[in-house]
Amino acid sequence: MAFGIGVNPLKADGGQVRGTQQKIACECWFTSTGRTMPLMLKIEDENGEIRTIRDIQVHSQEKKRYAGIPSIEYDCTLAVGGRSIRVWLIYYLAESRWVINFR
């Protein structure tokens, strides 16, 4: 009897996302080639206020699978209140859901 036949994923799994994730709303542009480009995001701060961040610099993007769930991970720098914050923006394809992961 063979073990694992037909259960192996097509691509390597990225494991689990490390750090703290927070749900966000993200305005993005889908190009004609299917690429996703984040343009603006809204995030709830520690006081419960919704903050809008428009200054997003994307350094790289990579398709990954976390526990078998397909996603696109963006390595970004956000300009917030005069300072730069390095974050990961993660788009979960199957759920059409965005999260931010602080480094």
N, C-alpha and C. Protein backbone atom coordinates (compact mmCIF):
# COMPACT_ATOMS: atom_id res chain seq x y z
N MET A 1 0.84 -1.16 0.00
CA MET A 1 0.00 0.00 0.00
C MET A 1 0.90 1.24 0.00
N ALA A 2 0.58 2.22 -0.84
CA ALA A 2 1.36 3.46 -0.94
C ALA A 2 0.76 4.53 -0.04
N PHE A 3 1.61 5.34 0.51
CA PHE A 3 1.16 6.40 1.42
C PHE A 3 1.27 7.76 0.72
N GLY A 4 0.24 8.59 0.89
CA GLY A 4 0.29 9.96 0.40
C GLY A 4 0.03 10.14 -1.08
N ILE A 5 -0.43 9.15 -1.77
CA ILE A 5 -0.67 9.30 -3.19
C ILE A 5 -1.87 10.22 -3.41
N GLY A 6 -1.65 11.27 -4.17
CA GLY A 6 -2.72 12.19 -4.51
C GLY A 6 -3.02 13.25 -3.46
N VAL A 7 -2.28 13.28 -2.37
CA VAL A 7 -2.57 14.28 -1.34
C VAL A 7 -1.48 15.35 -1.25
N ASN A 8 -0.44 15.23 -2.03
CA ASN A 8 0.64 16.20 -1.99
C ASN A 8 0.23 17.48 -2.72
N PRO A 9 0.48 18.65 -2.12
CA PRO A 9 0.15 19.90 -2.81
C PRO A 9 1.06 20.11 -4.02
N LEU A 10 0.58 20.92 -4.96
CA LEU A 10 1.36 21.18 -6.16
C LEU A 10 2.60 22.01 -5.86
N LYS A 11 2.51 22.92 -4.87
CA LYS A 11 3.63 23.77 -4.52
C LYS A 11 3.93 23.62 -3.04
N ALA A 12 5.13 24.01 -2.67
CA ALA A 12 5.52 23.94 -1.26
C ALA A 12 4.63 24.84 -0.42
N ASP A 13 4.38 24.43 0.81
CA ASP A 13 3.53 25.17 1.72
C ASP A 13 4.39 26.13 2.53
N GLY A 14 3.90 27.37 2.73
CA GLY A 14 4.64 28.38 3.47
C GLY A 14 4.52 28.22 4.97
N GLY A 15 3.82 27.21 5.44
CA GLY A 15 3.65 27.01 6.87
C GLY A 15 2.56 27.91 7.42
N GLN A 16 2.85 28.57 8.54
CA GLN A 16 1.89 29.47 9.16
C GLN A 16 2.44 30.88 9.17
N VAL A 17 1.55 31.86 9.12
CA VAL A 17 1.95 33.25 9.17
C VAL A 17 2.39 33.58 10.60
N ARG A 18 3.55 34.19 10.74
CA ARG A 18 4.06 34.57 12.05
C ARG A 18 3.72 36.03 12.32
N GLY A 19 3.63 36.39 13.60
CA GLY A 19 3.32 37.76 13.98
C GLY A 19 1.84 37.93 14.24
N THR A 20 1.43 39.19 14.36
CA THR A 20 0.03 39.49 14.64
C THR A 20 -0.66 39.95 13.37
N GLN A 21 -1.79 39.35 13.09
CA GLN A 21 -2.58 39.72 11.92
C GLN A 21 -3.75 40.57 12.37
N GLN A 22 -4.09 41.54 11.52
CA GLN A 22 -5.26 42.37 11.77
C GLN A 22 -6.02 42.52 10.46
N LYS A 23 -7.34 42.37 10.54
CA LYS A 23 -8.16 42.51 9.34
C LYS A 23 -8.13 43.96 8.87
N ILE A 24 -8.11 44.14 7.56
CA ILE A 24 -8.13 45.48 6.97
C ILE A 24 -9.06 45.50 5.77
N ALA A 25 -9.42 46.71 5.37
CA ALA A 25 -10.11 46.90 4.09
C ALA A 25 -9.05 47.44 3.15
N CYS A 26 -9.01 46.94 1.95
CA CYS A 26 -7.97 47.35 1.00
C CYS A 26 -8.60 47.63 -0.36
N GLU A 27 -8.29 48.82 -0.88
CA GLU A 27 -8.67 49.14 -2.25
C GLU A 27 -7.51 48.70 -3.13
N CYS A 28 -7.82 47.93 -4.15
CA CYS A 28 -6.74 47.45 -5.01
C CYS A 28 -7.15 47.52 -6.47
N TRP A 29 -6.15 47.42 -7.30
CA TRP A 29 -6.33 47.46 -8.74
C TRP A 29 -5.91 46.09 -9.27
N PHE A 30 -6.80 45.48 -10.04
CA PHE A 30 -6.50 44.22 -10.70
C PHE A 30 -6.12 44.53 -12.14
N THR A 31 -4.90 44.21 -12.52
CA THR A 31 -4.42 44.51 -13.86
C THR A 31 -5.04 43.55 -14.88
N SER A 32 -4.84 43.85 -16.14
CA SER A 32 -5.37 42.99 -17.20
C SER A 32 -4.70 41.63 -17.23
N THR A 33 -3.52 41.53 -16.62
CA THR A 33 -2.81 40.25 -16.57
C THR A 33 -3.12 39.46 -15.30
N GLY A 34 -3.99 40.01 -14.43
CA GLY A 34 -4.38 39.30 -13.23
C GLY A 34 -3.59 39.65 -11.99
N ARG A 35 -2.65 40.58 -12.10
CA ARG A 35 -1.88 41.02 -10.93
C ARG A 35 -2.72 41.93 -10.05
N THR A 36 -2.50 41.85 -8.75
CA THR A 36 -3.23 42.67 -7.79
C THR A 36 -2.28 43.71 -7.22
N MET A 37 -2.70 44.98 -7.23
CA MET A 37 -1.87 46.07 -6.73
C MET A 37 -2.63 46.82 -5.62
N PRO A 38 -2.19 46.74 -4.36
CA PRO A 38 -2.86 47.50 -3.30
C PRO A 38 -2.63 49.00 -3.48
N LEU A 39 -3.71 49.78 -3.40
CA LEU A 39 -3.63 51.23 -3.58
C LEU A 39 -3.84 52.00 -2.28
N MET A 40 -4.76 51.52 -1.44
CA MET A 40 -5.13 52.22 -0.21
C MET A 40 -5.68 51.19 0.76
N LEU A 41 -5.46 51.42 2.06
CA LEU A 41 -6.05 50.53 3.05
C LEU A 41 -6.65 51.31 4.19
N LYS A 42 -7.60 50.69 4.86
CA LYS A 42 -8.24 51.25 6.05
C LYS A 42 -8.06 50.25 7.17
N ILE A 43 -7.65 50.78 8.32
CA ILE A 43 -7.35 49.95 9.47
C ILE A 43 -7.90 50.60 10.73
N GLU A 44 -8.36 49.78 11.65
CA GLU A 44 -8.87 50.29 12.92
C GLU A 44 -7.71 50.40 13.91
N ASP A 45 -7.50 51.59 14.50
CA ASP A 45 -6.40 51.78 15.44
C ASP A 45 -6.81 51.34 16.84
N GLU A 46 -5.89 51.51 17.80
CA GLU A 46 -6.13 51.05 19.17
C GLU A 46 -7.25 51.81 19.87
N ASN A 47 -7.64 53.01 19.34
CA ASN A 47 -8.73 53.80 19.91
C ASN A 47 -10.07 53.50 19.24
N GLY A 48 -10.08 52.57 18.29
CA GLY A 48 -11.30 52.21 17.59
C GLY A 48 -11.61 53.10 16.40
N GLU A 49 -10.70 54.03 16.07
CA GLU A 49 -10.91 54.92 14.92
C GLU A 49 -10.39 54.25 13.65
N ILE A 50 -11.06 54.52 12.54
CA ILE A 50 -10.66 53.99 11.25
C ILE A 50 -9.65 54.95 10.63
N ARG A 51 -8.47 54.45 10.31
CA ARG A 51 -7.40 55.24 9.69
C ARG A 51 -7.26 54.83 8.23
N THR A 52 -7.04 55.82 7.38
CA THR A 52 -6.83 55.58 5.96
C THR A 52 -5.36 55.78 5.64
N ILE A 53 -4.76 54.82 4.96
CA ILE A 53 -3.36 54.90 4.55
C ILE A 53 -3.31 54.77 3.04
N ARG A 54 -2.81 55.83 2.40
CA ARG A 54 -2.73 55.84 0.94
C ARG A 54 -1.30 55.68 0.43
N ASP A 55 -0.33 55.98 1.26
CA ASP A 55 1.07 55.92 0.83
C ASP A 55 1.61 54.51 1.09
N ILE A 56 1.49 53.65 0.07
CA ILE A 56 1.93 52.25 0.17
C ILE A 56 3.01 52.02 -0.87
N GLN A 57 4.17 51.57 -0.41
CA GLN A 57 5.25 51.23 -1.33
C GLN A 57 5.43 49.71 -1.28
N VAL A 58 5.15 49.05 -2.40
CA VAL A 58 5.27 47.60 -2.48
C VAL A 58 6.67 47.25 -2.96
N HIS A 59 7.40 46.48 -2.15
CA HIS A 59 8.76 46.07 -2.51
C HIS A 59 8.76 44.78 -3.32
N SER A 60 7.89 43.85 -2.92
CA SER A 60 7.80 42.58 -3.64
C SER A 60 6.47 41.91 -3.33
N GLN A 61 6.13 40.94 -4.14
CA GLN A 61 4.95 40.13 -3.90
C GLN A 61 5.27 38.70 -4.24
N GLU A 62 4.63 37.78 -3.50
CA GLU A 62 4.92 36.37 -3.70
C GLU A 62 3.67 35.55 -3.43
N LYS A 63 3.39 34.60 -4.30
CA LYS A 63 2.27 33.69 -4.08
C LYS A 63 2.73 32.63 -3.09
N LYS A 64 1.90 32.39 -2.06
CA LYS A 64 2.23 31.42 -1.03
C LYS A 64 1.00 30.60 -0.68
N ARG A 65 1.26 29.54 0.09
CA ARG A 65 0.19 28.72 0.65
C ARG A 65 0.48 28.57 2.13
N TYR A 66 -0.45 29.05 2.96
CA TYR A 66 -0.33 28.89 4.40
C TYR A 66 -1.33 27.82 4.82
N ALA A 67 -0.82 26.70 5.32
CA ALA A 67 -1.65 25.56 5.68
C ALA A 67 -2.54 25.15 4.50
N GLY A 68 -2.00 25.24 3.29
CA GLY A 68 -2.72 24.85 2.08
C GLY A 68 -3.64 25.91 1.51
N ILE A 69 -3.75 27.07 2.17
CA ILE A 69 -4.64 28.14 1.71
C ILE A 69 -3.86 29.09 0.81
N PRO A 70 -4.29 29.26 -0.46
CA PRO A 70 -3.54 30.13 -1.38
C PRO A 70 -3.67 31.60 -0.99
N SER A 71 -2.54 32.31 -1.08
CA SER A 71 -2.53 33.72 -0.74
C SER A 71 -1.44 34.42 -1.54
N ILE A 72 -1.51 35.75 -1.53
CA ILE A 72 -0.46 36.57 -2.11
C ILE A 72 0.06 37.46 -0.99
N GLU A 73 1.36 37.42 -0.77
CA GLU A 73 1.98 38.19 0.31
C GLU A 73 2.76 39.36 -0.29
N TYR A 74 2.46 40.56 0.19
CA TYR A 74 3.12 41.77 -0.28
C TYR A 74 4.03 42.30 0.81
N ASP A 75 5.30 42.49 0.49
CA ASP A 75 6.26 43.12 1.40
C ASP A 75 6.18 44.62 1.12
N CYS A 76 5.72 45.40 2.11
CA CYS A 76 5.41 46.82 1.89
C CYS A 76 6.00 47.72 2.97
N THR A 77 6.11 48.99 2.62
CA THR A 77 6.39 50.04 3.58
C THR A 77 5.22 51.02 3.52
N LEU A 78 4.65 51.32 4.70
CA LEU A 78 3.55 52.27 4.79
C LEU A 78 4.06 53.55 5.42
N ALA A 79 3.63 54.69 4.91
CA ALA A 79 3.95 55.98 5.52
C ALA A 79 2.77 56.39 6.39
N VAL A 80 3.00 56.42 7.72
CA VAL A 80 1.93 56.72 8.68
C VAL A 80 2.44 57.76 9.67
N GLY A 81 1.79 58.91 9.70
CA GLY A 81 2.15 59.94 10.67
C GLY A 81 3.60 60.38 10.61
N GLY A 82 4.16 60.48 9.43
CA GLY A 82 5.54 60.93 9.28
C GLY A 82 6.60 59.87 9.51
N ARG A 83 6.20 58.64 9.72
CA ARG A 83 7.18 57.57 9.88
C ARG A 83 6.86 56.41 8.94
N SER A 84 7.86 55.60 8.68
CA SER A 84 7.71 54.45 7.79
C SER A 84 7.59 53.18 8.61
N ILE A 85 6.63 52.33 8.23
CA ILE A 85 6.41 51.06 8.92
C ILE A 85 6.48 49.94 7.89
N ARG A 86 7.33 48.95 8.14
CA ARG A 86 7.46 47.80 7.25
C ARG A 86 6.45 46.75 7.66
N VAL A 87 5.61 46.29 6.73
CA VAL A 87 4.55 45.33 7.01
C VAL A 87 4.44 44.32 5.88
N TRP A 88 3.68 43.28 6.13
CA TRP A 88 3.23 42.36 5.08
C TRP A 88 1.74 42.56 4.92
N LEU A 89 1.29 42.75 3.71
CA LEU A 89 -0.13 42.72 3.38
C LEU A 89 -0.38 41.35 2.76
N ILE A 90 -1.39 40.66 3.25
CA ILE A 90 -1.67 39.31 2.76
C ILE A 90 -3.10 39.27 2.23
N TYR A 91 -3.22 38.82 0.99
CA TYR A 91 -4.53 38.67 0.34
C TYR A 91 -4.83 37.18 0.21
N TYR A 92 -5.89 36.72 0.88
CA TYR A 92 -6.32 35.32 0.80
C TYR A 92 -7.28 35.19 -0.38
N LEU A 93 -6.83 34.50 -1.41
CA LEU A 93 -7.55 34.41 -2.68
C LEU A 93 -8.94 33.78 -2.54
N ALA A 94 -9.03 32.66 -1.85
CA ALA A 94 -10.30 31.93 -1.77
C ALA A 94 -11.37 32.71 -1.03
N GLU A 95 -10.95 33.56 -0.08
CA GLU A 95 -11.90 34.31 0.74
C GLU A 95 -12.04 35.77 0.31
N SER A 96 -11.20 36.21 -0.63
CA SER A 96 -11.15 37.63 -1.03
C SER A 96 -11.02 38.52 0.20
N ARG A 97 -10.05 38.18 1.05
CA ARG A 97 -9.89 38.85 2.34
C ARG A 97 -8.46 39.34 2.49
N TRP A 98 -8.32 40.56 3.05
CA TRP A 98 -7.01 41.17 3.30
C TRP A 98 -6.72 41.21 4.79
N VAL A 99 -5.46 41.00 5.14
CA VAL A 99 -4.97 41.21 6.51
C VAL A 99 -3.63 41.92 6.44
N ILE A 100 -3.27 42.56 7.54
CA ILE A 100 -1.96 43.18 7.66
C ILE A 100 -1.21 42.43 8.75
N ASN A 101 0.07 42.20 8.53
CA ASN A 101 0.91 41.50 9.48
C ASN A 101 2.10 42.42 9.78
N PHE A 102 2.18 42.87 11.04
CA PHE A 102 3.25 43.75 11.44
C PHE A 102 4.50 42.93 11.73
N ARG A 103 5.62 43.43 11.34
CA ARG A 103 6.90 42.71 11.51
C ARG A 103 7.40 42.83 12.91
